[in-house]
Amino acid sequence: MPKVIFIDPEGIEHRVDATVGQSLMRAAVDSQVPGIEAMCGGNCICATCHAYIEDERLATLAPPDATERDMLECTSEPRANSRLCCQVPMTEALDGLIVRVAASQH
């Protein structure tokens, strides 16, 4: 089972087991990672699962689609490595992925 390291806004690491095919958001919510609010339940309409992918594997992810890009523009601190966790499916290749939860989800 692949693992993801979420670093919450306080700098605390949360090592999470993720199921292949599961979104990073669902893995974080199921493991109660602080800062991932996921208010829309994974429908890409709220940006409350905003995080920064801190790994060289960012380039291996499918790029954000137009809806995700629009939602990311609504976040308080969008960056080049910003993603909505609900839009990133977990794969075996992402084992060990490091994800920093954005300090503000609004």
N, C-alpha and C. Protein backbone atom coordinates (compact mmCIF):
# COMPACT_ATOMS: atom_id res chain seq x y z
N MET A 1 0.85 -1.17 0.00
CA MET A 1 0.00 0.00 0.00
C MET A 1 0.90 1.24 0.00
N PRO A 2 0.73 2.13 -0.98
CA PRO A 2 1.57 3.33 -1.02
C PRO A 2 1.31 4.26 0.15
N LYS A 3 2.34 5.00 0.51
CA LYS A 3 2.25 5.95 1.62
C LYS A 3 2.43 7.37 1.09
N VAL A 4 1.78 8.30 1.77
CA VAL A 4 1.91 9.73 1.47
C VAL A 4 2.30 10.41 2.77
N ILE A 5 3.20 11.36 2.69
CA ILE A 5 3.56 12.16 3.86
C ILE A 5 2.93 13.52 3.68
N PHE A 6 1.92 13.80 4.50
CA PHE A 6 1.30 15.11 4.52
C PHE A 6 1.98 15.92 5.62
N ILE A 7 2.34 17.15 5.32
CA ILE A 7 2.89 18.05 6.32
C ILE A 7 1.85 19.13 6.55
N ASP A 8 1.30 19.15 7.75
CA ASP A 8 0.20 20.09 8.02
C ASP A 8 0.74 21.51 8.20
N PRO A 9 -0.15 22.50 8.28
CA PRO A 9 0.30 23.90 8.40
C PRO A 9 1.17 24.19 9.63
N GLU A 10 1.13 23.32 10.63
CA GLU A 10 1.97 23.48 11.82
C GLU A 10 3.34 22.82 11.64
N GLY A 11 3.54 22.16 10.50
CA GLY A 11 4.82 21.51 10.23
C GLY A 11 4.90 20.08 10.71
N ILE A 12 3.79 19.52 11.17
CA ILE A 12 3.78 18.15 11.68
C ILE A 12 3.53 17.18 10.52
N GLU A 13 4.34 16.14 10.46
CA GLU A 13 4.20 15.12 9.42
C GLU A 13 3.14 14.10 9.81
N HIS A 14 2.35 13.72 8.82
CA HIS A 14 1.33 12.69 8.98
C HIS A 14 1.57 11.66 7.88
N ARG A 15 1.99 10.47 8.28
CA ARG A 15 2.24 9.40 7.31
C ARG A 15 0.94 8.63 7.13
N VAL A 16 0.48 8.58 5.89
CA VAL A 16 -0.84 8.06 5.59
C VAL A 16 -0.72 6.92 4.59
N ASP A 17 -1.42 5.83 4.86
CA ASP A 17 -1.55 4.75 3.88
C ASP A 17 -2.66 5.15 2.92
N ALA A 18 -2.40 5.02 1.65
CA ALA A 18 -3.39 5.37 0.63
C ALA A 18 -3.64 4.17 -0.27
N THR A 19 -4.84 4.04 -0.70
CA THR A 19 -5.22 2.98 -1.62
C THR A 19 -5.02 3.46 -3.05
N VAL A 20 -4.47 2.63 -3.89
CA VAL A 20 -4.31 2.98 -5.29
C VAL A 20 -5.68 3.33 -5.86
N GLY A 21 -5.75 4.46 -6.57
CA GLY A 21 -6.99 4.94 -7.16
C GLY A 21 -7.73 5.92 -6.27
N GLN A 22 -7.44 5.92 -5.00
CA GLN A 22 -8.05 6.85 -4.05
C GLN A 22 -7.42 8.23 -4.25
N SER A 23 -8.21 9.28 -4.08
CA SER A 23 -7.64 10.62 -4.19
C SER A 23 -6.80 10.93 -2.95
N LEU A 24 -5.85 11.84 -3.14
CA LEU A 24 -5.06 12.29 -1.99
C LEU A 24 -5.98 12.90 -0.93
N MET A 25 -7.04 13.59 -1.36
CA MET A 25 -7.99 14.19 -0.41
C MET A 25 -8.64 13.11 0.45
N ARG A 26 -9.12 12.05 -0.18
CA ARG A 26 -9.80 10.99 0.58
C ARG A 26 -8.83 10.33 1.55
N ALA A 27 -7.60 10.11 1.13
CA ALA A 27 -6.60 9.51 2.02
C ALA A 27 -6.36 10.42 3.23
N ALA A 28 -6.28 11.74 2.98
CA ALA A 28 -6.05 12.70 4.07
C ALA A 28 -7.25 12.77 5.02
N VAL A 29 -8.45 12.83 4.46
CA VAL A 29 -9.65 12.91 5.30
C VAL A 29 -9.82 11.63 6.12
N ASP A 30 -9.64 10.48 5.49
CA ASP A 30 -9.77 9.21 6.21
C ASP A 30 -8.77 9.10 7.36
N SER A 31 -7.63 9.77 7.21
CA SER A 31 -6.59 9.73 8.25
C SER A 31 -6.60 10.98 9.13
N GLN A 32 -7.60 11.82 8.96
CA GLN A 32 -7.79 13.02 9.78
C GLN A 32 -6.58 13.94 9.77
N VAL A 33 -6.04 14.19 8.57
CA VAL A 33 -4.92 15.12 8.44
C VAL A 33 -5.45 16.54 8.65
N PRO A 34 -4.90 17.27 9.61
CA PRO A 34 -5.35 18.64 9.87
C PRO A 34 -5.13 19.54 8.66
N GLY A 35 -6.10 20.39 8.40
CA GLY A 35 -5.99 21.38 7.34
C GLY A 35 -6.67 20.99 6.05
N ILE A 36 -6.95 19.73 5.85
CA ILE A 36 -7.69 19.30 4.67
C ILE A 36 -9.17 19.26 5.05
N GLU A 37 -9.89 20.32 4.68
CA GLU A 37 -11.29 20.43 5.06
C GLU A 37 -12.21 19.63 4.14
N ALA A 38 -11.92 19.63 2.85
CA ALA A 38 -12.67 18.84 1.86
C ALA A 38 -14.18 19.06 1.97
N MET A 39 -14.58 20.30 2.01
CA MET A 39 -15.99 20.64 2.22
C MET A 39 -16.91 20.14 1.11
N CYS A 40 -16.41 20.03 -0.12
CA CYS A 40 -17.29 19.60 -1.22
C CYS A 40 -17.24 18.09 -1.43
N GLY A 41 -16.45 17.40 -0.64
CA GLY A 41 -16.41 15.95 -0.75
C GLY A 41 -15.69 15.42 -1.98
N GLY A 42 -14.89 16.25 -2.61
CA GLY A 42 -14.12 15.78 -3.75
C GLY A 42 -14.69 16.16 -5.10
N ASN A 43 -15.57 17.14 -5.13
CA ASN A 43 -16.21 17.54 -6.38
C ASN A 43 -15.55 18.71 -7.08
N CYS A 44 -14.41 19.15 -6.59
CA CYS A 44 -13.63 20.22 -7.22
C CYS A 44 -14.42 21.52 -7.33
N ILE A 45 -15.15 21.85 -6.25
CA ILE A 45 -15.92 23.10 -6.27
C ILE A 45 -15.68 23.98 -5.04
N CYS A 46 -14.66 23.66 -4.24
CA CYS A 46 -14.47 24.49 -3.05
C CYS A 46 -13.01 24.84 -2.75
N ALA A 47 -12.06 24.11 -3.24
CA ALA A 47 -10.63 24.35 -3.01
C ALA A 47 -10.21 24.22 -1.55
N THR A 48 -10.97 23.48 -0.74
CA THR A 48 -10.60 23.30 0.66
C THR A 48 -9.74 22.05 0.90
N CYS A 49 -9.13 21.58 -0.18
CA CYS A 49 -8.13 20.51 -0.06
C CYS A 49 -6.86 20.95 -0.79
N HIS A 50 -6.64 22.25 -0.80
CA HIS A 50 -5.48 22.85 -1.48
C HIS A 50 -4.19 22.44 -0.76
N ALA A 51 -3.22 22.02 -1.55
CA ALA A 51 -1.93 21.62 -0.99
C ALA A 51 -0.85 21.84 -2.04
N TYR A 52 0.38 21.72 -1.59
CA TYR A 52 1.54 21.89 -2.46
C TYR A 52 2.26 20.55 -2.57
N ILE A 53 2.43 20.10 -3.80
CA ILE A 53 3.14 18.86 -4.04
C ILE A 53 4.63 19.17 -4.03
N GLU A 54 5.38 18.61 -3.07
CA GLU A 54 6.80 18.93 -2.89
C GLU A 54 7.69 17.78 -3.32
N ASP A 55 7.54 17.33 -4.50
CA ASP A 55 8.30 16.16 -4.90
C ASP A 55 8.59 16.26 -6.39
N GLU A 56 9.69 15.67 -6.79
CA GLU A 56 10.02 15.70 -8.20
C GLU A 56 8.96 15.00 -9.04
N ARG A 57 8.08 14.27 -8.40
CA ARG A 57 7.03 13.56 -9.14
C ARG A 57 5.87 14.46 -9.54
N LEU A 58 5.92 15.74 -9.18
CA LEU A 58 4.87 16.68 -9.60
C LEU A 58 4.71 16.62 -11.12
N ALA A 59 5.80 16.56 -11.83
CA ALA A 59 5.76 16.54 -13.30
C ALA A 59 5.16 15.25 -13.84
N THR A 60 5.10 14.20 -13.01
CA THR A 60 4.53 12.94 -13.48
C THR A 60 3.01 12.92 -13.35
N LEU A 61 2.45 13.88 -12.62
CA LEU A 61 1.00 13.94 -12.47
C LEU A 61 0.38 14.54 -13.72
N ALA A 62 -0.84 14.12 -14.01
CA ALA A 62 -1.58 14.78 -15.09
C ALA A 62 -1.77 16.24 -14.67
N PRO A 63 -1.65 17.16 -15.60
CA PRO A 63 -1.80 18.57 -15.23
C PRO A 63 -3.24 18.87 -14.79
N PRO A 64 -3.42 19.92 -14.00
CA PRO A 64 -4.78 20.28 -13.58
C PRO A 64 -5.64 20.62 -14.80
N ASP A 65 -6.90 20.20 -14.76
CA ASP A 65 -7.79 20.57 -15.85
C ASP A 65 -8.29 22.01 -15.61
N ALA A 66 -9.10 22.52 -16.51
CA ALA A 66 -9.55 23.91 -16.44
C ALA A 66 -10.32 24.19 -15.15
N THR A 67 -11.15 23.26 -14.71
CA THR A 67 -11.92 23.46 -13.48
C THR A 67 -11.00 23.57 -12.28
N GLU A 68 -10.04 22.68 -12.18
CA GLU A 68 -9.10 22.74 -11.05
C GLU A 68 -8.27 24.02 -11.11
N ARG A 69 -7.82 24.40 -12.28
CA ARG A 69 -7.04 25.66 -12.40
C ARG A 69 -7.87 26.85 -11.94
N ASP A 70 -9.15 26.88 -12.32
CA ASP A 70 -10.02 27.98 -11.88
C ASP A 70 -10.15 28.00 -10.37
N MET A 71 -10.31 26.83 -9.77
CA MET A 71 -10.44 26.76 -8.30
C MET A 71 -9.14 27.16 -7.62
N LEU A 72 -8.01 26.78 -8.18
CA LEU A 72 -6.72 27.14 -7.59
C LEU A 72 -6.51 28.65 -7.62
N GLU A 73 -7.04 29.32 -8.63
CA GLU A 73 -6.92 30.78 -8.69
C GLU A 73 -7.68 31.45 -7.56
N CYS A 74 -8.63 30.76 -6.95
CA CYS A 74 -9.42 31.30 -5.85
C CYS A 74 -8.75 31.10 -4.49
N THR A 75 -7.66 30.36 -4.46
CA THR A 75 -6.98 30.12 -3.18
C THR A 75 -6.16 31.35 -2.78
N SER A 76 -5.86 31.45 -1.51
CA SER A 76 -5.15 32.63 -1.02
C SER A 76 -3.68 32.65 -1.40
N GLU A 77 -3.06 31.49 -1.60
CA GLU A 77 -1.64 31.44 -1.95
C GLU A 77 -1.35 30.39 -3.03
N PRO A 78 -1.85 30.62 -4.25
CA PRO A 78 -1.54 29.64 -5.30
C PRO A 78 -0.07 29.69 -5.67
N ARG A 79 0.48 28.53 -5.95
CA ARG A 79 1.89 28.40 -6.36
C ARG A 79 1.95 27.46 -7.57
N ALA A 80 3.11 27.39 -8.17
CA ALA A 80 3.29 26.52 -9.34
C ALA A 80 3.02 25.06 -8.99
N ASN A 81 3.26 24.67 -7.73
CA ASN A 81 3.06 23.28 -7.32
C ASN A 81 1.74 23.07 -6.56
N SER A 82 0.82 24.04 -6.67
CA SER A 82 -0.50 23.90 -6.04
C SER A 82 -1.33 22.85 -6.76
N ARG A 83 -2.03 22.07 -5.97
CA ARG A 83 -3.01 21.12 -6.50
C ARG A 83 -4.15 21.00 -5.52
N LEU A 84 -5.29 20.59 -6.02
CA LEU A 84 -6.40 20.21 -5.15
C LEU A 84 -6.26 18.71 -4.95
N CYS A 85 -6.17 18.30 -3.70
CA CYS A 85 -5.93 16.89 -3.41
C CYS A 85 -7.04 15.98 -3.94
N CYS A 86 -8.24 16.54 -4.10
CA CYS A 86 -9.34 15.71 -4.62
C CYS A 86 -9.14 15.35 -6.08
N GLN A 87 -8.23 16.01 -6.75
CA GLN A 87 -8.02 15.79 -8.18
C GLN A 87 -6.75 14.99 -8.48
N VAL A 88 -6.12 14.48 -7.43
CA VAL A 88 -4.87 13.71 -7.62
C VAL A 88 -5.11 12.27 -7.15
N PRO A 89 -5.25 11.34 -8.09
CA PRO A 89 -5.42 9.94 -7.71
C PRO A 89 -4.10 9.31 -7.30
N MET A 90 -4.16 8.49 -6.28
CA MET A 90 -2.96 7.82 -5.78
C MET A 90 -2.60 6.66 -6.69
N THR A 91 -1.29 6.51 -6.93
CA THR A 91 -0.76 5.39 -7.71
C THR A 91 0.42 4.80 -6.94
N GLU A 92 0.82 3.60 -7.31
CA GLU A 92 2.00 2.99 -6.69
C GLU A 92 3.23 3.87 -6.92
N ALA A 93 3.30 4.52 -8.07
CA ALA A 93 4.46 5.36 -8.41
C ALA A 93 4.59 6.57 -7.49
N LEU A 94 3.50 6.93 -6.80
CA LEU A 94 3.53 8.08 -5.90
C LEU A 94 3.87 7.70 -4.46
N ASP A 95 4.23 6.44 -4.23
CA ASP A 95 4.61 6.00 -2.89
C ASP A 95 5.71 6.92 -2.34
N GLY A 96 5.50 7.45 -1.14
CA GLY A 96 6.46 8.34 -0.51
C GLY A 96 6.27 9.81 -0.87
N LEU A 97 5.22 10.13 -1.62
CA LEU A 97 4.95 11.50 -2.03
C LEU A 97 4.84 12.41 -0.81
N ILE A 98 5.42 13.60 -0.92
CA ILE A 98 5.34 14.60 0.15
C ILE A 98 4.38 15.70 -0.30
N VAL A 99 3.41 15.99 0.55
CA VAL A 99 2.38 16.99 0.26
C VAL A 99 2.30 17.95 1.43
N ARG A 100 2.48 19.24 1.16
CA ARG A 100 2.32 20.26 2.20
C ARG A 100 0.94 20.86 2.12
N VAL A 101 0.20 20.78 3.21
CA VAL A 101 -1.15 21.33 3.27
C VAL A 101 -1.04 22.85 3.33
N ALA A 102 -1.80 23.54 2.49
CA ALA A 102 -1.78 25.00 2.48
C ALA A 102 -2.29 25.53 3.83
N ALA A 103 -1.70 26.62 4.29
CA ALA A 103 -2.07 27.21 5.58
C ALA A 103 -3.51 27.70 5.60
N SER A 104 -3.97 28.22 4.48
CA SER A 104 -5.33 28.72 4.40
C SER A 104 -6.07 27.96 3.31
N GLN A 105 -7.26 27.55 3.61
CA GLN A 105 -8.07 26.82 2.64
C GLN A 105 -9.16 27.71 2.04
N HIS A 106 -9.06 29.00 2.26
CA HIS A 106 -10.12 29.90 1.75
C HIS A 106 -9.53 31.00 0.92
